[in-house]
Structure formats: C-alpha cells, structure tokens
Amino acid sequence: MALPTSKVGVCNLALDLLKEKPISDIDSPTTDVESLCARWYDVARTALIQSRNWNFATKSQAISRGGTPSVSIYVDFYTFPNDYLKLTAIATPRVPLSRRDYRIEDGKILIDNGGSSTLDVWFAFDNSTVANFPPLFTLLLAARLALAITFKITAKPSVIKEVKEFILALEKEALAFNGQERPPTRFESSRIVNIGLFPRTLQQVAGPHEFDFIP
C-alpha cells in the first residue's frame, strides 16, 4: 500500500490505532472527529519537527540583517523566515551552538556578526508536505496524534497504554534512522575544560578562565 500523501491520510492512520472509522476531510471538517483532527494535526506535526533535528525538515539559508537591536549587548539582529521552527547551526554545522554567543528573541537572532548583511544559518523548518515525510516520521506523527485525540474519543486505559508503547518503540527507531542519514561530527570541545576543571582531580583550575565562544 502507498504511503499517505495528505493530512487526512496521516489522521486516518491515527484513527486506525484507536480503532475508529476513517475520515475524509480536515480542511473543511463536517464531523466531530474531523474537527478534532483538524485542531490537533498541525500542533502535533510542528511539535514533532521541533523535538529533534529531522533531516527532511532541515535547511540552510542566508538570512538578512535587520539592523541593530535597540536594547541589547549584541550589535546585529537577523530575522528568521516565516517557516523557521528551531535553530540548529550558525555559519557552519561543524561548530555546536553551545560554542556560539547569541540570543533568540521574537523571531530574530541577536549576534555580533560585524555588521554583515547576511548570516548563514541552519534550522528546522515547517515542512508540511506529507509526501516528503519519511515513513518513520509519518508513523510517529500518527501515533502522537492518536495519543492527543484519544482522550476525546476513548479514555480506555488499555488503548492509551498501547499507543504510548507504540510511540516509545517508534521514537527509538526514528532516532536511529535519522542518525544514519546524518554522519557524526567531531567537536573539539570539552565540558570539563569549558568550566575550568582539571580532568584528573575535578578540582578548579587556578587562574582566570574564558569560555571559548565563537562569534
């Protein structure tokens, strides 16, 4: 059987888990179940994308400088596009965000970037095209959607327990699959060194210590 290519297809997978009848439309719902799925679908989808760094929902883009923040320790701010959901890297994905000095406020990133007109960023975006969803993402979305709507449809503890167990199993598989598509990156960084501890004794290193932020 072909993979779902529409929101309704994903919702019907969720309803299958709850042993409910399929629906036909959530853009113009006419039944209580269709309205319920319509309310929860996009919330469940965007939350799942934000929960981890899915390859199919990650992209890079040079975003434009918006000016200088009116009140800030940073000299530049850049506005994220409308489909932005979560920042994953700045300038290069080879450097972890923990080594960057920045702040995110109201759809903007505040950073010292030397007044450059653009800033290269990698981010999770609002990919709503069902045909682009990997099968494991689709299954996990359907399971999370089922759990969200089950309290309105059925409150049977056995059904809720089954759905929760299904979600846990899928999350492990999805995490492993996503990691296979994204090769590991070695970061030359140490949490022990960064907090000024001597690794062997775990005692504070004498003298001043500066965090290795990368502008």
C-alpha atoms as a PDB file:
ATOM      1  CA  MET A   1       0.000   0.000   0.000  1.00  0.00           C
ATOM      2  CA  ALA A   2       1.223   3.503  -0.850  1.00  0.00           C
ATOM      3  CA  LEU A   3       2.370   5.906   1.856  1.00  0.00           C
ATOM      4  CA  PRO A   4      -0.019   8.689   2.919  1.00  0.00           C
ATOM      5  CA  THR A   5       0.291  11.814   0.791  1.00  0.00           C
ATOM      6  CA  SER A   6      -2.208  14.007   2.620  1.00  0.00           C
ATOM      7  CA  LYS A   7      -3.072  15.230   6.108  1.00  0.00           C
ATOM      8  CA  VAL A   8      -6.205  13.100   6.055  1.00  0.00           C
ATOM      9  CA  GLY A   9      -4.100  10.031   5.306  1.00  0.00           C
ATOM     10  CA  VAL A  10      -1.999  10.652   8.426  1.00  0.00           C
ATOM     11  CA  CYS A  11      -5.109  11.300  10.511  1.00  0.00           C
ATOM     12  CA  ASN A  12      -6.619   8.021   9.341  1.00  0.00           C
ATOM     13  CA  LEU A  13      -3.515   6.167  10.488  1.00  0.00           C
ATOM     14  CA  ALA A  14      -4.033   7.764  13.898  1.00  0.00           C
ATOM     15  CA  LEU A  15      -7.678   6.704  13.884  1.00  0.00           C
ATOM     16  CA  ASP A  16      -6.649   3.162  12.933  1.00  0.00           C
ATOM     17  CA  LEU A  17      -4.622   2.995  16.137  1.00  0.00           C
ATOM     18  CA  LEU A  18      -7.751   3.993  18.058  1.00  0.00           C
ATOM     19  CA  LYS A  19      -9.897   1.511  16.102  1.00  0.00           C
ATOM     20  CA  GLU A  20     -12.057   4.331  14.730  1.00  0.00           C
ATOM     21  CA  LYS A  21     -13.627   4.835  11.294  1.00  0.00           C
ATOM     22  CA  PRO A  22     -11.652   6.861   8.698  1.00  0.00           C
ATOM     23  CA  ILE A  23     -12.479  10.470   7.849  1.00  0.00           C
ATOM     24  CA  SER A  24     -12.435  12.294   4.510  1.00  0.00           C
ATOM     25  CA  ASP A  25     -11.567  15.967   5.148  1.00  0.00           C
ATOM     26  CA  ILE A  26      -9.986  18.152   7.830  1.00  0.00           C
ATOM     27  CA  ASP A  27      -9.634  21.366   5.805  1.00  0.00           C
ATOM     28  CA  SER A  28     -13.428  21.718   5.775  1.00  0.00           C
ATOM     29  CA  PRO A  29     -14.486  19.363   8.573  1.00  0.00           C
ATOM     30  CA  THR A  30     -18.118  18.267   8.780  1.00  0.00           C
ATOM     31  CA  THR A  31     -17.960  15.743  11.637  1.00  0.00           C
ATOM     32  CA  ASP A  32     -16.784  15.965  15.234  1.00  0.00           C
ATOM     33  CA  VAL A  33     -13.860  13.617  14.578  1.00  0.00           C
ATOM     34  CA  GLU A  34     -12.746  15.623  11.533  1.00  0.00           C
ATOM     35  CA  SER A  35     -12.874  18.831  13.575  1.00  0.00           C
ATOM     36  CA  LEU A  36     -10.887  17.153  16.346  1.00  0.00           C
ATOM     37  CA  CYS A  37      -8.170  16.027  13.924  1.00  0.00           C
ATOM     38  CA  ALA A  38      -8.118  19.472  12.302  1.00  0.00           C
ATOM     39  CA  ARG A  39      -7.456  21.122  15.680  1.00  0.00           C
ATOM     40  CA  TRP A  40      -4.600  18.817  16.607  1.00  0.00           C
ATOM     41  CA  TYR A  41      -2.865  17.901  13.332  1.00  0.00           C
ATOM     42  CA  ASP A  42      -0.599  20.923  12.810  1.00  0.00           C
ATOM     43  CA  VAL A  43       0.193  21.232  16.517  1.00  0.00           C
ATOM     44  CA  ALA A  44       1.343  17.609  16.629  1.00  0.00           C
ATOM     45  CA  ARG A  45       3.298  17.925  13.365  1.00  0.00           C
ATOM     46  CA  THR A  46       5.236  21.089  14.233  1.00  0.00           C
ATOM     47  CA  ALA A  47       5.927  19.877  17.770  1.00  0.00           C
ATOM     48  CA  LEU A  48       7.382  16.647  16.396  1.00  0.00           C
ATOM     49  CA  ILE A  49       9.611  18.541  13.963  1.00  0.00           C
ATOM     50  CA  GLN A  50      10.832  20.808  16.779  1.00  0.00           C
ATOM     51  CA  SER A  51      11.533  17.859  19.065  1.00  0.00           C
ATOM     52  CA  ARG A  52      14.637  16.773  17.122  1.00  0.00           C
ATOM     53  CA  ASN A  53      16.759  17.577  14.080  1.00  0.00           C
ATOM     54  CA  TRP A  54      14.924  15.776  11.290  1.00  0.00           C
ATOM     55  CA  ASN A  55      16.915  15.760   8.052  1.00  0.00           C
ATOM     56  CA  PHE A  56      13.850  16.189   5.824  1.00  0.00           C
ATOM     57  CA  ALA A  57      12.856  19.341   7.756  1.00  0.00           C
ATOM     58  CA  THR A  58      16.289  20.974   7.963  1.00  0.00           C
ATOM     59  CA  LYS A  59      17.663  23.570   5.573  1.00  0.00           C
ATOM     60  CA  SER A  60      20.315  26.286   5.347  1.00  0.00           C
ATOM     61  CA  GLN A  61      19.701  29.880   4.371  1.00  0.00           C
ATOM     62  CA  ALA A  62      21.422  33.246   4.384  1.00  0.00           C
ATOM     63  CA  ILE A  63      19.069  35.466   6.393  1.00  0.00           C
ATOM     64  CA  SER A  64      19.153  39.252   6.100  1.00  0.00           C
ATOM     65  CA  ARG A  65      20.343  41.702   8.717  1.00  0.00           C
ATOM     66  CA  GLY A  66      17.522  43.732  10.212  1.00  0.00           C
ATOM     67  CA  GLY A  67      19.669  46.322  11.965  1.00  0.00           C
ATOM     68  CA  THR A  68      20.985  46.956  15.479  1.00  0.00           C
ATOM     69  CA  PRO A  69      18.853  45.887  18.463  1.00  0.00           C
ATOM     70  CA  SER A  70      17.508  48.852  20.440  1.00  0.00           C
ATOM     71  CA  VAL A  71      18.412  47.266  23.787  1.00  0.00           C
ATOM     72  CA  SER A  72      20.998  44.513  23.626  1.00  0.00           C
ATOM     73  CA  ILE A  73      24.629  43.559  24.194  1.00  0.00           C
ATOM     74  CA  TYR A  74      24.719  42.404  20.558  1.00  0.00           C
ATOM     75  CA  VAL A  75      25.287  44.706  17.605  1.00  0.00           C
ATOM     76  CA  ASP A  76      23.329  42.856  14.908  1.00  0.00           C
ATOM     77  CA  PHE A  77      19.992  41.156  14.539  1.00  0.00           C
ATOM     78  CA  TYR A  78      18.738  38.955  11.710  1.00  0.00           C
ATOM     79  CA  THR A  79      15.131  37.934  11.070  1.00  0.00           C
ATOM     80  CA  PHE A  80      14.232  34.287  10.619  1.00  0.00           C
ATOM     81  CA  PRO A  81      11.935  33.331   7.710  1.00  0.00           C
ATOM     82  CA  ASN A  82       8.275  32.524   8.377  1.00  0.00           C
ATOM     83  CA  ASP A  83       8.830  28.767   8.195  1.00  0.00           C
ATOM     84  CA  TYR A  84      11.524  28.801  10.907  1.00  0.00           C
ATOM     85  CA  LEU A  85      10.952  26.431  13.841  1.00  0.00           C
ATOM     86  CA  LYS A  86      14.292  25.807  15.566  1.00  0.00           C
ATOM     87  CA  LEU A  87      17.920  26.883  15.107  1.00  0.00           C
ATOM     88  CA  THR A  88      20.433  24.069  14.582  1.00  0.00           C
ATOM     89  CA  ALA A  89      23.650  25.794  13.455  1.00  0.00           C
ATOM     90  CA  ILE A  90      25.221  29.180  12.736  1.00  0.00           C
ATOM     91  CA  ALA A  91      27.745  29.746   9.913  1.00  0.00           C
ATOM     92  CA  THR A  92      28.684  26.038   9.824  1.00  0.00           C
ATOM     93  CA  PRO A  93      27.107  22.848  11.208  1.00  0.00           C
ATOM     94  CA  ARG A  94      30.590  21.715  12.280  1.00  0.00           C
ATOM     95  CA  VAL A  95      30.501  24.044  15.304  1.00  0.00           C
ATOM     96  CA  PRO A  96      27.898  23.294  18.021  1.00  0.00           C
ATOM     97  CA  LEU A  97      25.533  26.053  19.124  1.00  0.00           C
ATOM     98  CA  SER A  98      26.928  25.740  22.647  1.00  0.00           C
ATOM     99  CA  ARG A  99      30.076  27.479  21.370  1.00  0.00           C
ATOM    100  CA  ARG A 100      28.181  30.385  19.831  1.00  0.00           C
ATOM    101  CA  ASP A 101      27.308  33.606  21.640  1.00  0.00           C
ATOM    102  CA  TYR A 102      23.820  34.667  20.545  1.00  0.00           C
ATOM    103  CA  ARG A 103      20.242  35.149  21.668  1.00  0.00           C
ATOM    104  CA  ILE A 104      16.893  34.476  20.012  1.00  0.00           C
ATOM    105  CA  GLU A 105      14.042  36.920  20.566  1.00  0.00           C
ATOM    106  CA  ASP A 106      10.714  37.336  18.771  1.00  0.00           C
ATOM    107  CA  GLY A 107      11.670  35.536  15.555  1.00  0.00           C
ATOM    108  CA  LYS A 108      15.103  37.160  15.415  1.00  0.00           C
ATOM    109  CA  ILE A 109      18.636  36.100  16.254  1.00  0.00           C
ATOM    110  CA  LEU A 110      20.819  38.648  18.064  1.00  0.00           C
ATOM    111  CA  ILE A 111      24.538  38.197  17.495  1.00  0.00           C
ATOM    112  CA  ASP A 112      27.802  40.065  16.891  1.00  0.00           C
ATOM    113  CA  ASN A 113      28.410  39.499  13.186  1.00  0.00           C
ATOM    114  CA  GLY A 114      30.463  42.543  12.267  1.00  0.00           C
ATOM    115  CA  GLY A 115      27.521  44.268  10.607  1.00  0.00           C
ATOM    116  CA  SER A 116      27.435  41.721   7.778  1.00  0.00           C
ATOM    117  CA  SER A 117      24.355  41.995   5.554  1.00  0.00           C
ATOM    118  CA  THR A 118      23.555  38.294   5.901  1.00  0.00           C
ATOM    119  CA  LEU A 119      24.051  35.426   8.334  1.00  0.00           C
ATOM    120  CA  ASP A 120      24.232  31.787   7.284  1.00  0.00           C
ATOM    121  CA  VAL A 121      22.036  29.596   9.484  1.00  0.00           C
ATOM    122  CA  TRP A 122      20.790  26.019   9.541  1.00  0.00           C
ATOM    123  CA  PHE A 123      17.355  25.469  11.020  1.00  0.00           C
ATOM    124  CA  ALA A 124      14.382  23.152  11.327  1.00  0.00           C
ATOM    125  CA  PHE A 125      11.596  24.476   9.126  1.00  0.00           C
ATOM    126  CA  ASP A 126       7.861  23.969   8.891  1.00  0.00           C
ATOM    127  CA  ASN A 127       7.783  21.217   6.271  1.00  0.00           C
ATOM    128  CA  SER A 128       4.102  20.480   5.811  1.00  0.00           C
ATOM    129  CA  THR A 129       4.340  18.431   2.590  1.00  0.00           C
ATOM    130  CA  VAL A 130       3.200  14.970   3.647  1.00  0.00           C
ATOM    131  CA  ALA A 131       4.786  13.365   0.580  1.00  0.00           C
ATOM    132  CA  ASN A 132       8.190  14.471   1.955  1.00  0.00           C
ATOM    133  CA  PHE A 133       7.711  12.769   5.328  1.00  0.00           C
ATOM    134  CA  PRO A 134       9.893   9.701   5.918  1.00  0.00           C
ATOM    135  CA  PRO A 135       7.809   6.635   6.857  1.00  0.00           C
ATOM    136  CA  LEU A 136       9.064   6.628  10.461  1.00  0.00           C
ATOM    137  CA  PHE A 137       8.153  10.298  10.888  1.00  0.00           C
ATOM    138  CA  THR A 138       4.702   9.595   9.465  1.00  0.00           C
ATOM    139  CA  LEU A 139       4.159   6.700  11.867  1.00  0.00           C
ATOM    140  CA  LEU A 140       5.389   8.698  14.837  1.00  0.00           C
ATOM    141  CA  LEU A 141       3.206  11.667  13.895  1.00  0.00           C
ATOM    142  CA  ALA A 142       0.179   9.401  13.564  1.00  0.00           C
ATOM    143  CA  ALA A 143       0.904   7.829  16.951  1.00  0.00           C
ATOM    144  CA  ARG A 144       1.363  11.186  18.694  1.00  0.00           C
ATOM    145  CA  LEU A 145      -1.800  12.487  17.047  1.00  0.00           C
ATOM    146  CA  ALA A 146      -3.670   9.394  18.209  1.00  0.00           C
ATOM    147  CA  LEU A 147      -2.495   9.969  21.766  1.00  0.00           C
ATOM    148  CA  ALA A 148      -3.549  13.635  21.630  1.00  0.00           C
ATOM    149  CA  ILE A 149      -7.087  12.933  20.419  1.00  0.00           C
ATOM    150  CA  THR A 150      -7.713   9.681  22.249  1.00  0.00           C
ATOM    151  CA  PHE A 151      -8.981  11.442  25.371  1.00  0.00           C
ATOM    152  CA  LYS A 152     -11.843  12.909  23.326  1.00  0.00           C
ATOM    153  CA  ILE A 153     -12.615   9.682  21.506  1.00  0.00           C
ATOM    154  CA  THR A 154     -11.904   6.981  24.051  1.00  0.00           C
ATOM    155  CA  ALA A 155     -10.476   7.050  27.533  1.00  0.00           C
ATOM    156  CA  LYS A 156      -9.787   3.320  27.709  1.00  0.00           C
ATOM    157  CA  PRO A 157      -6.551   2.829  29.693  1.00  0.00           C
ATOM    158  CA  SER A 158      -5.635  -0.185  27.549  1.00  0.00           C
ATOM    159  CA  VAL A 159      -5.805   1.823  24.313  1.00  0.00           C
ATOM    160  CA  ILE A 160      -3.797   4.708  25.779  1.00  0.00           C
ATOM    161  CA  LYS A 161      -1.180   2.252  27.073  1.00  0.00           C
ATOM    162  CA  GLU A 162      -0.841   0.596  23.658  1.00  0.00           C
ATOM    163  CA  VAL A 163      -0.404   3.930  21.882  1.00  0.00           C
ATOM    164  CA  LYS A 164       2.223   5.102  24.390  1.00  0.00           C
ATOM    165  CA  GLU A 165       4.205   1.884  23.980  1.00  0.00           C
ATOM    166  CA  PHE A 166       3.985   2.228  20.189  1.00  0.00           C
ATOM    167  CA  ILE A 167       5.333   5.793  20.415  1.00  0.00           C
ATOM    168  CA  LEU A 168       8.303   4.720  22.551  1.00  0.00           C
ATOM    169  CA  ALA A 169       9.243   1.993  20.089  1.00  0.00           C
ATOM    170  CA  LEU A 170       8.938   4.337  17.100  1.00  0.00           C
ATOM    171  CA  GLU A 171      10.995   7.092  18.730  1.00  0.00           C
ATOM    172  CA  LYS A 172      13.951   4.737  19.138  1.00  0.00           C
ATOM    173  CA  GLU A 173      13.746   3.625  15.509  1.00  0.00           C
ATOM    174  CA  ALA A 174      13.309   7.162  14.173  1.00  0.00           C
ATOM    175  CA  LEU A 175      16.271   8.444  16.173  1.00  0.00           C
ATOM    176  CA  ALA A 176      18.495   5.652  14.880  1.00  0.00           C
ATOM    177  CA  PHE A 177      17.399   6.171  11.270  1.00  0.00           C
ATOM    178  CA  ASN A 178      17.909   9.932  11.405  1.00  0.00           C
ATOM    179  CA  GLY A 179      21.391   9.386  12.844  1.00  0.00           C
ATOM    180  CA  GLN A 180      22.309   7.043   9.970  1.00  0.00           C
ATOM    181  CA  GLU A 181      21.442   9.730   7.419  1.00  0.00           C
ATOM    182  CA  ARG A 182      23.381  12.392   9.348  1.00  0.00           C
ATOM    183  CA  PRO A 183      27.048  11.362   9.748  1.00  0.00           C
ATOM    184  CA  PRO A 184      28.579  12.088  13.163  1.00  0.00           C
ATOM    185  CA  THR A 185      30.604  15.272  13.558  1.00  0.00           C
ATOM    186  CA  ARG A 186      33.583  15.506  15.874  1.00  0.00           C
ATOM    187  CA  PHE A 187      33.562  18.635  18.022  1.00  0.00           C
ATOM    188  CA  GLU A 188      36.804  19.798  19.581  1.00  0.00           C
ATOM    189  CA  SER A 189      35.124  20.836  22.806  1.00  0.00           C
ATOM    190  CA  SER A 190      35.119  19.631  26.389  1.00  0.00           C
ATOM    191  CA  ARG A 191      32.524  20.449  29.026  1.00  0.00           C
ATOM    192  CA  ILE A 192      35.118  19.740  31.718  1.00  0.00           C
ATOM    193  CA  VAL A 193      37.655  22.141  30.241  1.00  0.00           C
ATOM    194  CA  ASN A 194      34.997  24.729  29.483  1.00  0.00           C
ATOM    195  CA  ILE A 195      34.052  25.046  33.149  1.00  0.00           C
ATOM    196  CA  GLY A 196      37.673  25.272  34.245  1.00  0.00           C
ATOM    197  CA  LEU A 197      38.105  21.866  35.860  1.00  0.00           C
ATOM    198  CA  PHE A 198      41.238  19.763  35.914  1.00  0.00           C
ATOM    199  CA  PRO A 199      40.060  16.428  34.391  1.00  0.00           C
ATOM    200  CA  ARG A 200      42.013  14.069  36.660  1.00  0.00           C
ATOM    201  CA  THR A 201      41.090  15.592  40.034  1.00  0.00           C
ATOM    202  CA  LEU A 202      37.955  17.536  39.044  1.00  0.00           C
ATOM    203  CA  GLN A 203      39.351  20.490  41.015  1.00  0.00           C
ATOM    204  CA  GLN A 204      39.049  24.069  39.848  1.00  0.00           C
ATOM    205  CA  VAL A 205      41.929  25.176  37.651  1.00  0.00           C
ATOM    206  CA  ALA A 206      43.826  28.117  39.144  1.00  0.00           C
ATOM    207  CA  GLY A 207      43.666  31.451  37.378  1.00  0.00           C
ATOM    208  CA  PRO A 208      41.087  33.080  35.131  1.00  0.00           C
ATOM    209  CA  HIS A 209      39.239  31.065  32.520  1.00  0.00           C
ATOM    210  CA  GLU A 210      37.496  32.276  29.368  1.00  0.00           C
ATOM    211  CA  PHE A 211      34.752  30.348  27.613  1.00  0.00           C
ATOM    212  CA  ASP A 212      35.601  29.527  24.013  1.00  0.00           C
ATOM    213  CA  PHE A 213      32.634  31.208  22.335  1.00  0.00           C
ATOM    214  CA  ILE A 214      32.955  31.660  18.601  1.00  0.00           C
ATOM    215  CA  PRO A 215      31.465  34.913  17.277  1.00  0.00           C
END
